[in-house]
N, C-alpha and C. Protein backbone atom coordinates (compact mmCIF):
# COMPACT_ATOMS: atom_id res chain seq x y z
N MET A 1 -31.65 84.92 15.63
CA MET A 1 -30.84 84.44 14.56
C MET A 1 -29.43 84.08 15.06
N ARG A 2 -28.93 84.94 15.93
CA ARG A 2 -27.60 84.65 16.48
C ARG A 2 -27.63 83.37 17.30
N SER A 3 -28.66 83.14 18.04
CA SER A 3 -28.73 81.93 18.87
C SER A 3 -28.83 80.69 18.00
N LEU A 4 -29.53 80.80 16.86
CA LEU A 4 -29.63 79.66 15.94
C LEU A 4 -28.27 79.36 15.34
N ALA A 5 -27.54 80.38 14.94
CA ALA A 5 -26.20 80.19 14.38
C ALA A 5 -25.26 79.62 15.44
N PHE A 6 -25.40 80.07 16.66
CA PHE A 6 -24.58 79.57 17.76
C PHE A 6 -24.87 78.10 18.01
N CYS A 7 -26.13 77.68 18.00
CA CYS A 7 -26.51 76.28 18.22
C CYS A 7 -25.99 75.39 17.09
N VAL A 8 -26.10 75.87 15.86
CA VAL A 8 -25.64 75.09 14.72
C VAL A 8 -24.12 74.93 14.79
N SER A 9 -23.40 75.98 15.14
CA SER A 9 -21.94 75.88 15.24
C SER A 9 -21.54 74.93 16.37
N LEU A 10 -22.28 74.94 17.49
CA LEU A 10 -21.99 73.98 18.57
C LEU A 10 -22.25 72.55 18.12
N LEU A 11 -23.30 72.36 17.35
CA LEU A 11 -23.63 71.03 16.84
C LEU A 11 -22.54 70.53 15.91
N ILE A 12 -22.07 71.38 15.01
CA ILE A 12 -21.00 71.01 14.08
C ILE A 12 -19.70 70.74 14.84
N LEU A 13 -19.40 71.57 15.81
CA LEU A 13 -18.21 71.38 16.63
C LEU A 13 -18.27 70.06 17.39
N GLY A 14 -19.43 69.74 17.92
CA GLY A 14 -19.61 68.48 18.65
C GLY A 14 -19.41 67.28 17.75
N MET A 15 -19.91 67.35 16.52
CA MET A 15 -19.76 66.25 15.57
C MET A 15 -18.28 66.07 15.18
N CYS A 16 -17.58 67.19 15.01
CA CYS A 16 -16.15 67.11 14.67
C CYS A 16 -15.35 66.47 15.80
N LEU A 17 -15.68 66.85 17.03
CA LEU A 17 -14.98 66.27 18.17
C LEU A 17 -15.29 64.79 18.33
N ALA A 18 -16.53 64.40 18.04
CA ALA A 18 -16.90 63.00 18.15
C ALA A 18 -16.16 62.16 17.12
N LYS A 19 -15.93 62.69 15.92
CA LYS A 19 -15.20 61.96 14.90
C LYS A 19 -13.72 61.83 15.29
N GLY A 20 -13.16 62.81 15.95
CA GLY A 20 -11.76 62.78 16.36
C GLY A 20 -11.48 61.75 17.44
N GLN A 21 -12.50 61.31 18.18
CA GLN A 21 -12.32 60.34 19.26
C GLN A 21 -12.06 58.94 18.73
N GLY A 22 -12.53 58.62 17.57
CA GLY A 22 -12.37 57.27 17.02
C GLY A 22 -11.01 57.09 16.37
N ARG A 23 -9.97 56.94 17.16
CA ARG A 23 -8.62 56.76 16.64
C ARG A 23 -8.46 55.36 16.07
N PRO A 24 -7.71 55.21 14.99
CA PRO A 24 -7.49 53.87 14.45
C PRO A 24 -6.54 53.08 15.37
N ILE A 25 -6.75 51.79 15.43
CA ILE A 25 -5.91 50.92 16.25
C ILE A 25 -4.66 50.59 15.46
N PRO A 26 -3.47 50.78 16.05
CA PRO A 26 -2.23 50.48 15.33
C PRO A 26 -2.16 49.02 14.94
N PRO A 27 -1.47 48.72 13.84
CA PRO A 27 -1.38 47.32 13.40
C PRO A 27 -0.63 46.47 14.43
N GLY A 28 -1.09 45.26 14.62
CA GLY A 28 -0.45 44.34 15.53
C GLY A 28 -1.02 44.33 16.93
N VAL A 29 -1.82 45.33 17.30
CA VAL A 29 -2.35 45.39 18.66
C VAL A 29 -3.38 44.29 18.88
N ARG A 30 -4.25 44.10 17.92
CA ARG A 30 -5.28 43.06 18.08
C ARG A 30 -4.66 41.67 18.14
N GLU A 31 -3.64 41.43 17.30
CA GLU A 31 -2.98 40.12 17.31
C GLU A 31 -2.26 39.88 18.63
N SER A 32 -1.63 40.92 19.15
CA SER A 32 -0.94 40.74 20.42
C SER A 32 -1.92 40.53 21.57
N ASP A 33 -3.08 41.16 21.50
CA ASP A 33 -4.10 40.93 22.51
C ASP A 33 -4.58 39.48 22.47
N LYS A 34 -4.74 38.94 21.27
CA LYS A 34 -5.17 37.55 21.14
C LYS A 34 -4.14 36.61 21.75
N VAL A 35 -2.86 36.87 21.48
CA VAL A 35 -1.80 36.01 22.00
C VAL A 35 -1.68 36.16 23.51
N ALA A 36 -1.83 37.38 24.00
CA ALA A 36 -1.68 37.63 25.44
C ALA A 36 -2.81 36.99 26.24
N ASN A 37 -3.97 36.84 25.64
CA ASN A 37 -5.12 36.31 26.36
C ASN A 37 -5.23 34.80 26.29
N GLN A 38 -4.33 34.13 25.59
CA GLN A 38 -4.37 32.67 25.52
C GLN A 38 -3.81 32.09 26.81
N PRO A 39 -4.32 30.93 27.24
CA PRO A 39 -3.80 30.32 28.47
C PRO A 39 -2.37 29.83 28.26
N LEU A 40 -1.61 29.80 29.34
CA LEU A 40 -0.23 29.34 29.29
C LEU A 40 -0.18 27.83 29.15
N PRO A 41 0.84 27.31 28.47
CA PRO A 41 0.97 25.86 28.40
C PRO A 41 1.39 25.31 29.76
N PRO A 42 1.11 24.05 30.02
CA PRO A 42 1.50 23.50 31.33
C PRO A 42 3.01 23.49 31.47
N PRO A 43 3.53 23.59 32.70
CA PRO A 43 4.98 23.62 32.89
C PRO A 43 5.62 22.29 32.48
N ILE A 44 6.86 22.39 32.06
CA ILE A 44 7.60 21.22 31.63
C ILE A 44 8.02 20.42 32.85
N GLN A 45 7.77 19.14 32.80
CA GLN A 45 8.15 18.27 33.90
C GLN A 45 9.60 17.83 33.69
N MET A 46 10.43 18.12 34.67
CA MET A 46 11.83 17.75 34.58
C MET A 46 11.99 16.30 35.04
N ALA A 47 12.85 15.59 34.36
CA ALA A 47 13.13 14.22 34.76
C ALA A 47 13.97 14.26 36.04
N SER A 48 13.49 13.57 37.04
CA SER A 48 14.21 13.60 38.31
C SER A 48 15.30 12.53 38.30
N ARG A 49 16.49 12.93 38.71
CA ARG A 49 17.59 12.00 38.83
C ARG A 49 17.66 11.58 40.28
N THR A 50 17.71 10.31 40.48
CA THR A 50 17.82 9.84 41.86
C THR A 50 19.26 9.36 42.07
N ALA A 51 19.92 9.98 42.99
CA ALA A 51 21.30 9.61 43.31
C ALA A 51 21.28 8.50 44.35
N LYS A 52 22.22 7.62 44.21
CA LYS A 52 22.33 6.53 45.18
C LYS A 52 22.86 7.09 46.50
N PRO A 53 22.29 6.64 47.60
CA PRO A 53 22.79 7.12 48.89
C PRO A 53 24.27 6.80 49.11
N SER A 54 24.74 5.69 48.57
CA SER A 54 26.16 5.34 48.75
C SER A 54 27.05 6.33 47.99
N ASP A 55 26.59 6.79 46.80
CA ASP A 55 27.36 7.79 46.06
C ASP A 55 27.41 9.11 46.81
N LEU A 56 26.27 9.49 47.37
CA LEU A 56 26.22 10.74 48.12
C LEU A 56 27.14 10.68 49.34
N LYS A 57 27.14 9.53 49.99
CA LYS A 57 27.97 9.39 51.18
C LYS A 57 29.46 9.43 50.82
N SER A 58 29.82 8.80 49.71
CA SER A 58 31.24 8.81 49.32
C SER A 58 31.67 10.23 48.91
N GLU A 59 30.79 10.97 48.23
CA GLU A 59 31.13 12.36 47.89
C GLU A 59 31.28 13.21 49.14
N ALA A 60 30.40 12.99 50.11
CA ALA A 60 30.50 13.75 51.36
C ALA A 60 31.80 13.42 52.08
N ALA A 61 32.23 12.16 52.02
CA ALA A 61 33.49 11.77 52.66
C ALA A 61 34.67 12.42 51.93
N GLN A 62 34.61 12.51 50.60
CA GLN A 62 35.66 13.18 49.84
C GLN A 62 35.74 14.67 50.21
N ILE A 63 34.56 15.28 50.34
CA ILE A 63 34.51 16.69 50.71
C ILE A 63 35.12 16.89 52.10
N GLN A 64 34.79 16.00 53.01
CA GLN A 64 35.32 16.11 54.37
C GLN A 64 36.84 15.96 54.38
N ALA A 65 37.36 15.01 53.62
CA ALA A 65 38.81 14.81 53.57
C ALA A 65 39.51 16.02 52.95
N LEU A 66 38.93 16.55 51.87
CA LEU A 66 39.51 17.74 51.25
C LEU A 66 39.45 18.94 52.18
N ALA A 67 38.35 19.09 52.89
CA ALA A 67 38.21 20.22 53.82
C ALA A 67 39.25 20.13 54.94
N ASN A 68 39.49 18.92 55.42
CA ASN A 68 40.51 18.75 56.47
C ASN A 68 41.90 19.09 55.94
N SER A 69 42.20 18.65 54.71
CA SER A 69 43.52 18.94 54.15
C SER A 69 43.67 20.43 53.87
N VAL A 70 42.60 21.07 53.42
CA VAL A 70 42.65 22.51 53.16
C VAL A 70 42.86 23.26 54.48
N ALA A 71 42.22 22.81 55.54
CA ALA A 71 42.38 23.46 56.84
C ALA A 71 43.84 23.38 57.29
N ASP A 72 44.48 22.21 57.08
CA ASP A 72 45.90 22.07 57.45
C ASP A 72 46.78 22.97 56.58
N GLN A 73 46.43 23.07 55.28
CA GLN A 73 47.21 23.92 54.37
C GLN A 73 47.05 25.40 54.73
N VAL A 74 45.88 25.79 55.20
CA VAL A 74 45.67 27.18 55.61
C VAL A 74 46.48 27.47 56.88
N ASP A 75 46.58 26.50 57.78
CA ASP A 75 47.43 26.68 58.97
C ASP A 75 48.89 26.91 58.57
N LEU A 76 49.35 26.13 57.56
CA LEU A 76 50.71 26.33 57.07
C LEU A 76 50.86 27.70 56.41
N LEU A 77 49.81 28.14 55.72
CA LEU A 77 49.83 29.44 55.07
C LEU A 77 49.96 30.56 56.09
N ASN A 78 49.31 30.40 57.24
CA ASN A 78 49.41 31.39 58.30
C ASN A 78 50.82 31.44 58.88
N LYS A 79 51.55 30.34 58.76
CA LYS A 79 52.93 30.31 59.26
C LYS A 79 53.93 30.79 58.21
N GLY A 80 53.41 31.11 57.01
CA GLY A 80 54.28 31.65 55.97
C GLY A 80 54.69 30.66 54.91
N MET A 81 54.16 29.45 54.96
CA MET A 81 54.48 28.43 53.94
C MET A 81 53.21 28.11 53.16
N MET A 82 53.28 28.30 51.84
CA MET A 82 52.10 28.02 51.03
C MET A 82 52.28 26.69 50.32
N SER A 83 51.27 25.85 50.44
CA SER A 83 51.28 24.57 49.77
C SER A 83 51.01 24.78 48.28
N LYS A 84 51.69 24.00 47.44
CA LYS A 84 51.54 24.21 46.00
C LYS A 84 50.18 23.78 45.47
N ASP A 85 49.50 22.86 46.15
CA ASP A 85 48.21 22.39 45.65
C ASP A 85 47.01 22.92 46.44
N LEU A 86 47.19 24.00 47.17
CA LEU A 86 46.08 24.59 47.93
C LEU A 86 44.99 25.08 46.99
N SER A 87 45.38 25.78 45.96
CA SER A 87 44.40 26.31 45.00
C SER A 87 43.65 25.17 44.30
N GLU A 88 44.40 24.14 43.92
CA GLU A 88 43.79 22.99 43.25
C GLU A 88 42.80 22.27 44.17
N ASN A 89 43.18 22.11 45.42
CA ASN A 89 42.29 21.45 46.39
C ASN A 89 41.02 22.27 46.63
N LEU A 90 41.16 23.59 46.67
CA LEU A 90 39.98 24.43 46.85
C LEU A 90 39.04 24.31 45.66
N LYS A 91 39.59 24.23 44.45
CA LYS A 91 38.76 24.06 43.26
C LYS A 91 38.04 22.71 43.28
N LYS A 92 38.76 21.66 43.67
CA LYS A 92 38.15 20.32 43.78
C LYS A 92 37.02 20.34 44.81
N LEU A 93 37.29 20.99 45.94
CA LEU A 93 36.30 21.07 47.01
C LEU A 93 35.04 21.79 46.52
N GLU A 94 35.25 22.88 45.82
CA GLU A 94 34.11 23.64 45.29
C GLU A 94 33.32 22.82 44.28
N LYS A 95 34.00 22.12 43.40
CA LYS A 95 33.34 21.31 42.38
C LYS A 95 32.53 20.18 43.01
N LEU A 96 33.12 19.50 43.97
CA LEU A 96 32.41 18.41 44.65
C LEU A 96 31.20 18.93 45.41
N ALA A 97 31.35 20.08 46.07
CA ALA A 97 30.23 20.64 46.83
C ALA A 97 29.09 21.04 45.91
N LYS A 98 29.41 21.63 44.76
CA LYS A 98 28.36 22.01 43.81
C LYS A 98 27.64 20.79 43.28
N HIS A 99 28.41 19.74 42.98
CA HIS A 99 27.78 18.52 42.47
C HIS A 99 26.89 17.88 43.51
N LEU A 100 27.36 17.82 44.73
CA LEU A 100 26.56 17.23 45.81
C LEU A 100 25.30 18.05 46.05
N ARG A 101 25.43 19.36 46.03
CA ARG A 101 24.26 20.23 46.21
C ARG A 101 23.24 20.01 45.09
N SER A 102 23.71 19.87 43.86
CA SER A 102 22.78 19.67 42.74
C SER A 102 22.08 18.32 42.83
N GLU A 103 22.72 17.33 43.41
CA GLU A 103 22.09 16.03 43.57
C GLU A 103 21.07 16.02 44.71
N ILE A 104 21.28 16.83 45.71
CA ILE A 104 20.42 16.81 46.89
C ILE A 104 19.19 17.71 46.71
N THR A 105 19.39 18.91 46.16
CA THR A 105 18.27 19.85 46.05
C THR A 105 17.28 19.37 45.00
N PRO A 106 15.97 19.61 45.25
CA PRO A 106 14.95 19.18 44.29
C PRO A 106 15.04 19.99 42.99
N LYS A 107 14.72 19.34 41.90
CA LYS A 107 14.73 20.01 40.60
C LYS A 107 13.41 20.74 40.42
N SER A 108 13.47 21.99 40.00
CA SER A 108 12.24 22.74 39.75
C SER A 108 12.21 23.14 38.29
N PRO A 109 11.05 23.05 37.66
CA PRO A 109 10.97 23.41 36.24
C PRO A 109 11.15 24.91 36.03
N ILE A 110 11.70 25.26 34.90
CA ILE A 110 11.90 26.66 34.55
C ILE A 110 10.71 27.11 33.73
N PHE A 111 10.13 28.23 34.12
CA PHE A 111 8.97 28.73 33.41
C PHE A 111 9.38 29.65 32.31
């Protein structure tokens, strides 16, 4: 009799544990799984700007001239005399270099 009661209690305990395993899925999980499993759209094609070689060459010449003048101004700075337009020339040099770099480097789409 004790063994029968023990078997029945194990059976009931097993059924209770089996019911506890079926947890409900939180709202939004199925929708997010659907969205996550969809294929990605194709990358956006960027319009390529083609710079004229003559424009690139003139910008490079401007950069070279500014770099030479900045080098002379730095020599004066080492002697204790600061040129009033050194900072302005450095900003111009940086701006021209950034523009030239953006024209030369290939454009890559952002994902």
